[in-house]
């Protein structure tokens, strides 16, 4: 038998998105800054500027963050941290990336092979759904305050 399950390695955009949003929130809390210039935000978050801009674009397209140009412009949260879940951020930056890439290359003519493949797929789908539910249950506010974390 030779089936493999490969866990897809995601980019760092997911955790960068979390970091960027928490940094915006932190600056809002500390000094009332509504919009944070992207270059300053990237510097404070410790993220390369190009990566920060790309991630912010994904977050903006999803309605999580927004930006305004000109004097006093920059990135800001489009909704309260209590309404932004980790699943929202994950979906915004990873879009349609699947959690697991399946390879069920069982090379034999036994009749039970199709059932084995289906069972593997069901188990992996359950794991992916559990991860999504876990991410759905955590908001940025939970991370900020430390409340209601798993």
N, C-alpha and C. Protein backbone atom coordinates (compact mmCIF):
# COMPACT_ATOMS: atom_id res chain seq x y z
N UNK A 1 0.85 -1.18 0.00
CA UNK A 1 0.00 0.00 0.00
C UNK A 1 0.89 1.22 0.00
N UNK A 2 0.44 2.26 -0.71
CA UNK A 2 1.25 3.46 -0.75
C UNK A 2 0.45 4.73 -0.86
N UNK A 3 -0.30 5.10 0.16
CA UNK A 3 -0.93 6.41 0.07
C UNK A 3 -0.19 7.36 0.97
N UNK A 4 -0.24 8.62 0.57
CA UNK A 4 0.47 9.66 1.30
C UNK A 4 -0.49 10.81 1.54
N UNK A 5 -0.34 11.44 2.65
CA UNK A 5 -1.07 12.69 2.92
C UNK A 5 0.00 13.74 3.14
N UNK A 6 -0.05 14.76 2.32
CA UNK A 6 0.94 15.83 2.42
C UNK A 6 0.26 17.04 3.03
N UNK A 7 0.78 17.53 4.12
CA UNK A 7 0.25 18.75 4.71
C UNK A 7 0.86 19.91 3.96
N UNK A 8 0.00 20.73 3.42
CA UNK A 8 0.45 21.88 2.65
C UNK A 8 1.03 22.92 3.60
N UNK A 9 2.20 23.41 3.30
CA UNK A 9 2.78 24.47 4.10
C UNK A 9 2.27 25.81 3.59
N UNK A 10 1.60 26.53 4.45
CA UNK A 10 1.07 27.83 4.06
C UNK A 10 2.16 28.86 4.09
N UNK A 11 1.91 29.95 3.38
CA UNK A 11 2.84 31.07 3.43
C UNK A 11 2.75 31.72 4.81
N UNK A 12 3.62 32.65 5.06
CA UNK A 12 3.56 33.36 6.33
C UNK A 12 2.52 34.47 6.31
N UNK A 13 1.81 34.62 5.20
CA UNK A 13 0.82 35.69 5.08
C UNK A 13 -0.25 35.63 6.16
N UNK A 14 -0.64 34.43 6.57
CA UNK A 14 -1.67 34.29 7.60
C UNK A 14 -1.21 34.93 8.91
N UNK A 15 -0.04 34.54 9.39
CA UNK A 15 0.43 35.11 10.65
C UNK A 15 0.86 36.57 10.47
N UNK A 16 1.32 36.92 9.28
CA UNK A 16 1.62 38.33 9.02
C UNK A 16 0.35 39.16 9.07
N UNK A 17 -0.74 38.62 8.54
CA UNK A 17 -2.02 39.33 8.59
C UNK A 17 -2.46 39.57 10.02
N UNK A 18 -2.34 38.54 10.84
CA UNK A 18 -2.69 38.68 12.27
C UNK A 18 -1.82 39.77 12.90
N UNK A 19 -0.52 39.70 12.63
CA UNK A 19 0.42 40.66 13.20
C UNK A 19 0.11 42.09 12.76
N UNK A 20 -0.16 42.27 11.47
CA UNK A 20 -0.47 43.60 10.97
C UNK A 20 -1.72 44.17 11.61
N UNK A 21 -2.76 43.36 11.70
CA UNK A 21 -4.02 43.83 12.28
C UNK A 21 -3.87 44.15 13.77
N UNK A 22 -3.14 43.31 14.48
CA UNK A 22 -2.91 43.58 15.91
C UNK A 22 -2.04 44.81 16.11
N UNK A 23 -1.11 45.04 15.19
CA UNK A 23 -0.27 46.23 15.27
C UNK A 23 -1.10 47.49 15.05
N UNK A 24 -1.99 47.46 14.06
CA UNK A 24 -2.89 48.60 13.84
C UNK A 24 -3.72 48.84 15.11
N UNK A 25 -4.27 47.77 15.65
CA UNK A 25 -5.09 47.91 16.86
C UNK A 25 -4.26 48.46 18.02
N UNK A 26 -3.06 47.97 18.16
CA UNK A 26 -2.18 48.43 19.23
C UNK A 26 -1.90 49.93 19.12
N UNK A 27 -1.61 50.39 17.92
CA UNK A 27 -1.35 51.81 17.71
C UNK A 27 -2.61 52.64 17.95
N UNK A 28 -3.76 52.09 17.58
CA UNK A 28 -5.03 52.79 17.87
C UNK A 28 -5.23 52.93 19.36
N UNK A 29 -4.98 51.86 20.09
CA UNK A 29 -5.16 51.86 21.55
C UNK A 29 -4.17 52.81 22.23
N UNK A 30 -2.92 52.81 21.75
CA UNK A 30 -1.86 53.58 22.40
C UNK A 30 -1.97 55.08 22.17
N UNK A 31 -2.26 55.45 20.93
CA UNK A 31 -2.25 56.90 20.66
C UNK A 31 -3.40 57.37 19.78
N UNK A 32 -4.38 56.54 19.62
CA UNK A 32 -5.56 56.95 18.86
C UNK A 32 -5.36 57.04 17.36
N UNK A 33 -4.23 56.56 16.87
CA UNK A 33 -3.97 56.60 15.43
C UNK A 33 -5.02 55.77 14.70
N UNK A 34 -5.75 56.38 13.82
CA UNK A 34 -6.77 55.65 13.07
C UNK A 34 -6.17 54.96 11.86
N UNK A 35 -5.33 55.68 11.13
CA UNK A 35 -4.69 55.13 9.94
C UNK A 35 -3.18 55.11 10.17
N UNK A 36 -2.58 54.00 9.85
CA UNK A 36 -1.14 53.84 10.04
C UNK A 36 -0.48 53.69 8.68
N UNK A 37 0.47 54.59 8.35
CA UNK A 37 1.15 54.47 7.06
C UNK A 37 1.75 53.07 6.89
N UNK A 38 1.60 52.53 5.69
CA UNK A 38 2.01 51.15 5.43
C UNK A 38 3.48 50.89 5.74
N UNK A 39 4.33 51.84 5.40
CA UNK A 39 5.76 51.66 5.66
C UNK A 39 6.04 51.58 7.16
N UNK A 40 5.42 52.45 7.93
CA UNK A 40 5.56 52.44 9.38
C UNK A 40 4.97 51.16 9.97
N UNK A 41 3.82 50.77 9.46
CA UNK A 41 3.16 49.54 9.93
C UNK A 41 4.04 48.33 9.69
N UNK A 42 4.62 48.23 8.51
CA UNK A 42 5.50 47.11 8.18
C UNK A 42 6.71 47.09 9.12
N UNK A 43 7.26 48.28 9.39
CA UNK A 43 8.41 48.38 10.29
C UNK A 43 8.04 47.94 11.71
N UNK A 44 6.94 48.46 12.23
CA UNK A 44 6.50 48.09 13.59
C UNK A 44 6.18 46.60 13.69
N UNK A 45 5.60 46.04 12.64
CA UNK A 45 5.20 44.63 12.65
C UNK A 45 6.38 43.70 12.34
N UNK A 46 7.50 44.26 11.91
CA UNK A 46 8.66 43.44 11.59
C UNK A 46 8.47 42.59 10.35
N UNK A 47 7.76 43.16 9.37
CA UNK A 47 7.42 42.45 8.14
C UNK A 47 7.98 43.24 6.96
N UNK A 48 8.60 42.58 5.99
CA UNK A 48 9.07 43.32 4.81
C UNK A 48 7.93 44.13 4.18
N UNK A 49 8.26 45.34 3.74
CA UNK A 49 7.25 46.25 3.22
C UNK A 49 6.42 45.62 2.10
N UNK A 50 7.06 44.98 1.14
CA UNK A 50 6.33 44.38 0.01
C UNK A 50 5.35 43.31 0.50
N UNK A 51 5.76 42.51 1.46
CA UNK A 51 4.88 41.48 2.02
C UNK A 51 3.71 42.11 2.76
N UNK A 52 3.99 43.16 3.50
CA UNK A 52 2.93 43.85 4.25
C UNK A 52 1.89 44.43 3.30
N UNK A 53 2.34 45.05 2.22
CA UNK A 53 1.42 45.65 1.25
C UNK A 53 0.56 44.56 0.60
N UNK A 54 1.19 43.47 0.22
CA UNK A 54 0.44 42.36 -0.41
C UNK A 54 -0.61 41.80 0.56
N UNK A 55 -0.22 41.58 1.79
CA UNK A 55 -1.15 41.04 2.79
C UNK A 55 -2.26 42.03 3.09
N UNK A 56 -1.92 43.31 3.21
CA UNK A 56 -2.94 44.34 3.46
C UNK A 56 -3.95 44.42 2.30
N UNK A 57 -3.49 44.23 1.08
CA UNK A 57 -4.40 44.23 -0.07
C UNK A 57 -5.41 43.09 0.06
N UNK A 58 -4.93 41.91 0.45
CA UNK A 58 -5.84 40.77 0.64
C UNK A 58 -6.83 41.04 1.77
N UNK A 59 -6.34 41.62 2.86
CA UNK A 59 -7.22 41.93 3.99
C UNK A 59 -8.23 43.02 3.61
N UNK A 60 -7.82 43.97 2.80
CA UNK A 60 -8.73 45.02 2.35
C UNK A 60 -9.79 44.44 1.42
N UNK A 61 -9.39 43.57 0.51
CA UNK A 61 -10.34 42.96 -0.42
C UNK A 61 -11.41 42.16 0.32
N UNK A 62 -11.04 41.63 1.49
CA UNK A 62 -11.98 40.85 2.30
C UNK A 62 -12.80 41.72 3.25
N UNK A 63 -12.54 43.02 3.27
CA UNK A 63 -13.30 43.92 4.13
C UNK A 63 -12.86 43.92 5.59
N UNK A 64 -11.66 43.43 5.84
CA UNK A 64 -11.13 43.37 7.20
C UNK A 64 -10.35 44.63 7.54
N UNK A 65 -9.57 45.09 6.58
CA UNK A 65 -8.79 46.32 6.73
C UNK A 65 -9.17 47.24 5.58
N UNK A 66 -8.75 48.47 5.70
CA UNK A 66 -8.98 49.42 4.63
C UNK A 66 -7.83 50.41 4.64
N UNK A 67 -7.83 51.30 3.68
CA UNK A 67 -6.76 52.30 3.67
C UNK A 67 -7.28 53.58 3.04
N UNK A 68 -6.59 54.65 3.38
CA UNK A 68 -6.89 55.92 2.72
C UNK A 68 -5.56 56.55 2.34
N UNK A 69 -5.60 57.24 1.22
CA UNK A 69 -4.38 57.85 0.70
C UNK A 69 -4.26 59.30 1.15
N UNK A 70 -3.07 59.82 0.97
CA UNK A 70 -2.84 61.23 1.26
C UNK A 70 -2.36 61.48 2.67
N UNK A 71 -2.31 62.77 3.03
CA UNK A 71 -1.86 63.17 4.36
C UNK A 71 -2.77 62.54 5.41
N UNK A 72 -2.16 61.95 6.42
CA UNK A 72 -2.92 61.27 7.46
C UNK A 72 -3.47 59.92 7.03
N UNK A 73 -3.02 59.48 5.86
CA UNK A 73 -3.52 58.21 5.33
C UNK A 73 -2.75 57.01 5.85
N UNK A 74 -3.22 55.86 5.45
CA UNK A 74 -2.58 54.61 5.84
C UNK A 74 -3.63 53.52 6.00
N UNK A 75 -3.21 52.45 6.63
CA UNK A 75 -4.10 51.30 6.83
C UNK A 75 -4.84 51.44 8.15
N UNK A 76 -6.08 50.93 8.17
CA UNK A 76 -6.87 50.92 9.40
C UNK A 76 -7.80 49.72 9.38
N UNK A 77 -8.32 49.38 10.55
CA UNK A 77 -9.25 48.27 10.64
C UNK A 77 -10.60 48.68 10.08
N UNK A 78 -11.21 47.81 9.29
CA UNK A 78 -12.51 48.11 8.69
C UNK A 78 -13.65 47.69 9.61
N UNK A 79 -13.33 46.92 10.64
CA UNK A 79 -14.34 46.53 11.63
C UNK A 79 -13.66 46.27 12.96
N UNK A 80 -14.41 46.21 14.04
CA UNK A 80 -13.82 46.02 15.36
C UNK A 80 -13.12 44.66 15.48
N UNK A 81 -12.11 44.61 16.35
CA UNK A 81 -11.36 43.37 16.55
C UNK A 81 -12.27 42.25 17.07
N UNK A 82 -13.36 42.60 17.72
CA UNK A 82 -14.31 41.59 18.22
C UNK A 82 -15.04 40.88 17.09
N UNK A 83 -15.00 41.45 15.89
CA UNK A 83 -15.71 40.89 14.75
C UNK A 83 -14.78 40.24 13.72
N UNK A 84 -13.48 40.24 13.99
CA UNK A 84 -12.52 39.67 13.04
C UNK A 84 -12.02 38.35 13.61
N UNK A 85 -12.38 37.26 12.94
CA UNK A 85 -11.92 35.95 13.40
C UNK A 85 -10.64 35.54 12.67
N UNK A 86 -9.96 34.58 13.25
CA UNK A 86 -8.77 34.05 12.58
C UNK A 86 -9.14 33.39 11.26
N UNK A 87 -10.34 32.81 11.19
CA UNK A 87 -10.78 32.22 9.92
C UNK A 87 -10.96 33.32 8.87
N UNK A 88 -11.48 34.48 9.26
CA UNK A 88 -11.61 35.59 8.31
C UNK A 88 -10.24 35.94 7.71
N UNK A 89 -9.25 36.03 8.58
CA UNK A 89 -7.90 36.41 8.14
C UNK A 89 -7.32 35.30 7.26
N UNK A 90 -7.44 34.06 7.72
CA UNK A 90 -6.92 32.92 6.96
C UNK A 90 -7.53 32.88 5.56
N UNK A 91 -8.85 33.02 5.49
CA UNK A 91 -9.54 32.98 4.21
C UNK A 91 -9.12 34.14 3.31
N UNK A 92 -8.92 35.30 3.91
CA UNK A 92 -8.53 36.47 3.13
C UNK A 92 -7.15 36.30 2.49
N UNK A 93 -6.21 35.77 3.24
CA UNK A 93 -4.84 35.71 2.72
C UNK A 93 -4.50 34.40 2.01
N UNK A 94 -5.13 33.32 2.41
CA UNK A 94 -4.83 32.03 1.77
C UNK A 94 -5.84 31.67 0.69
N UNK A 95 -6.97 32.36 0.68
CA UNK A 95 -8.04 32.20 -0.28
C UNK A 95 -8.45 30.73 -0.43
N UNK A 96 -8.27 30.14 -1.57
CA UNK A 96 -8.78 28.79 -1.81
C UNK A 96 -7.74 27.69 -1.61
N UNK A 97 -6.68 27.99 -0.90
CA UNK A 97 -5.66 26.98 -0.66
C UNK A 97 -6.25 25.88 0.22
N UNK A 98 -6.11 24.64 -0.21
CA UNK A 98 -6.64 23.54 0.59
C UNK A 98 -5.67 23.21 1.70
N UNK A 99 -6.20 22.71 2.79
CA UNK A 99 -5.38 22.37 3.94
C UNK A 99 -4.48 21.18 3.64
N UNK A 100 -5.05 20.17 2.99
CA UNK A 100 -4.30 18.96 2.70
C UNK A 100 -4.35 18.65 1.21
N UNK A 101 -3.24 18.23 0.69
CA UNK A 101 -3.18 17.73 -0.67
C UNK A 101 -3.15 16.21 -0.55
N UNK A 102 -4.13 15.56 -1.14
CA UNK A 102 -4.26 14.12 -0.99
C UNK A 102 -3.60 13.37 -2.13
N UNK A 103 -2.93 12.33 -1.77
CA UNK A 103 -2.41 11.38 -2.75
C UNK A 103 -2.83 10.00 -2.25
N UNK A 104 -3.70 9.39 -2.97
CA UNK A 104 -4.16 8.05 -2.59
C UNK A 104 -3.80 7.06 -3.69
N UNK A 105 -2.55 7.03 -4.02
CA UNK A 105 -2.07 6.17 -5.10
C UNK A 105 -1.84 4.75 -4.66
N UNK A 106 -2.90 4.10 -4.31
CA UNK A 106 -2.80 2.69 -3.94
C UNK A 106 -2.82 1.88 -5.23
N UNK A 107 -1.75 1.22 -5.51
CA UNK A 107 -1.61 0.53 -6.79
C UNK A 107 -1.80 -0.96 -6.65
N UNK A 108 -3.03 -1.36 -6.53
CA UNK A 108 -3.35 -2.78 -6.52
C UNK A 108 -4.80 -2.94 -6.97
N UNK A 109 -5.17 -4.11 -7.34
CA UNK A 109 -6.49 -4.34 -7.90
C UNK A 109 -7.48 -4.90 -6.89
N UNK A 110 -7.22 -4.70 -5.63
CA UNK A 110 -8.13 -5.25 -4.63
C UNK A 110 -9.40 -4.40 -4.57
N UNK A 111 -10.51 -5.06 -4.35
CA UNK A 111 -11.81 -4.39 -4.40
C UNK A 111 -12.01 -3.35 -3.30
N UNK A 112 -11.32 -3.47 -2.20
CA UNK A 112 -11.54 -2.56 -1.08
C UNK A 112 -10.74 -1.26 -1.19
N UNK A 113 -9.95 -1.10 -2.22
CA UNK A 113 -9.09 0.08 -2.36
C UNK A 113 -9.91 1.37 -2.43
N UNK A 114 -10.99 1.38 -3.21
CA UNK A 114 -11.81 2.59 -3.32
C UNK A 114 -12.39 2.99 -1.96
N UNK A 115 -12.80 2.00 -1.17
CA UNK A 115 -13.31 2.30 0.18
C UNK A 115 -12.23 2.89 1.06
N UNK A 116 -11.01 2.38 0.94
CA UNK A 116 -9.90 2.92 1.73
C UNK A 116 -9.64 4.38 1.35
N UNK A 117 -9.65 4.66 0.06
CA UNK A 117 -9.43 6.03 -0.41
C UNK A 117 -10.51 6.96 0.15
N UNK A 118 -11.75 6.54 0.10
CA UNK A 118 -12.85 7.36 0.61
C UNK A 118 -12.71 7.60 2.10
N UNK A 119 -12.27 6.59 2.84
CA UNK A 119 -12.10 6.75 4.29
C UNK A 119 -11.00 7.76 4.60
N UNK A 120 -9.91 7.70 3.84
CA UNK A 120 -8.82 8.66 4.03
C UNK A 120 -9.35 10.07 3.76
N UNK A 121 -10.08 10.24 2.67
CA UNK A 121 -10.61 11.55 2.31
C UNK A 121 -11.55 12.09 3.39
N UNK A 122 -12.39 11.22 3.97
CA UNK A 122 -13.31 11.65 5.02
C UNK A 122 -12.53 12.09 6.26
N UNK A 123 -11.52 11.34 6.64
CA UNK A 123 -10.71 11.69 7.81
C UNK A 123 -10.01 13.04 7.61
N UNK A 124 -9.46 13.24 6.44
CA UNK A 124 -8.75 14.49 6.15
C UNK A 124 -9.73 15.66 6.09
N UNK A 125 -10.89 15.45 5.50
CA UNK A 125 -11.91 16.51 5.45
C UNK A 125 -12.35 16.88 6.85
N UNK A 126 -12.51 15.90 7.72
CA UNK A 126 -12.88 16.17 9.11
C UNK A 126 -11.82 17.01 9.81
N UNK A 127 -10.55 16.70 9.56
CA UNK A 127 -9.46 17.46 10.18
C UNK A 127 -9.46 18.90 9.67
N UNK A 128 -9.68 19.09 8.38
CA UNK A 128 -9.72 20.44 7.81
C UNK A 128 -10.89 21.23 8.39
N UNK A 129 -12.04 20.59 8.52
CA UNK A 129 -13.21 21.27 9.09
C UNK A 129 -12.98 21.63 10.55
N UNK A 130 -12.30 20.76 11.30
CA UNK A 130 -12.00 21.05 12.71
C UNK A 130 -11.09 22.28 12.81
N UNK A 131 -10.12 22.37 11.91
CA UNK A 131 -9.23 23.53 11.93
C UNK A 131 -10.02 24.80 11.64
N UNK A 132 -10.90 24.76 10.64
CA UNK A 132 -11.70 25.93 10.31
C UNK A 132 -12.58 26.34 11.49
N UNK A 133 -13.18 25.39 12.15
CA UNK A 133 -14.03 25.71 13.31
C UNK A 133 -13.20 26.32 14.43
N UNK A 134 -12.00 25.80 14.63
CA UNK A 134 -11.13 26.36 15.66
C UNK A 134 -10.78 27.81 15.33
N UNK A 135 -10.43 28.08 14.08
CA UNK A 135 -10.09 29.45 13.67
C UNK A 135 -11.31 30.37 13.75
N UNK A 136 -12.48 29.84 13.44
CA UNK A 136 -13.72 30.62 13.50
C UNK A 136 -14.03 31.04 14.94
N UNK A 137 -13.59 30.26 15.91
CA UNK A 137 -13.92 30.52 17.30
C UNK A 137 -13.00 31.50 18.01
N UNK A 138 -12.00 32.03 17.31
CA UNK A 138 -11.05 32.96 17.93
C UNK A 138 -11.07 34.29 17.18
N UNK A 139 -11.31 35.36 17.92
CA UNK A 139 -11.28 36.70 17.33
C UNK A 139 -9.96 37.39 17.70
N UNK A 140 -9.69 38.47 17.02
CA UNK A 140 -8.51 39.27 17.39
C UNK A 140 -8.66 39.83 18.80
N UNK A 141 -9.90 40.10 19.20
CA UNK A 141 -10.12 40.57 20.56
C UNK A 141 -9.71 39.49 21.57
N UNK A 142 -10.03 38.23 21.29
CA UNK A 142 -9.61 37.14 22.17
C UNK A 142 -8.09 37.11 22.32
N UNK A 143 -7.40 37.29 21.22
CA UNK A 143 -5.93 37.29 21.27
C UNK A 143 -5.44 38.53 22.02
N UNK A 144 -6.05 39.67 21.76
CA UNK A 144 -5.63 40.92 22.39
C UNK A 144 -5.78 40.85 23.91
N UNK A 145 -6.92 40.32 24.36
CA UNK A 145 -7.21 40.31 25.80
C UNK A 145 -6.73 39.03 26.48
N UNK A 146 -6.56 37.97 25.69
CA UNK A 146 -6.22 36.67 26.29
C UNK A 146 -7.43 35.90 26.77
N UNK A 147 -8.62 36.47 26.60
CA UNK A 147 -9.86 35.84 27.06
C UNK A 147 -10.37 34.81 26.06
N UNK A 148 -10.95 33.76 26.60
CA UNK A 148 -11.64 32.74 25.82
C UNK A 148 -10.76 32.08 24.77
N UNK A 149 -9.48 31.96 25.07
CA UNK A 149 -8.59 31.24 24.15
C UNK A 149 -8.62 29.76 24.51
N UNK A 150 -8.42 28.92 23.47
CA UNK A 150 -8.42 27.47 23.76
C UNK A 150 -7.32 27.06 24.71
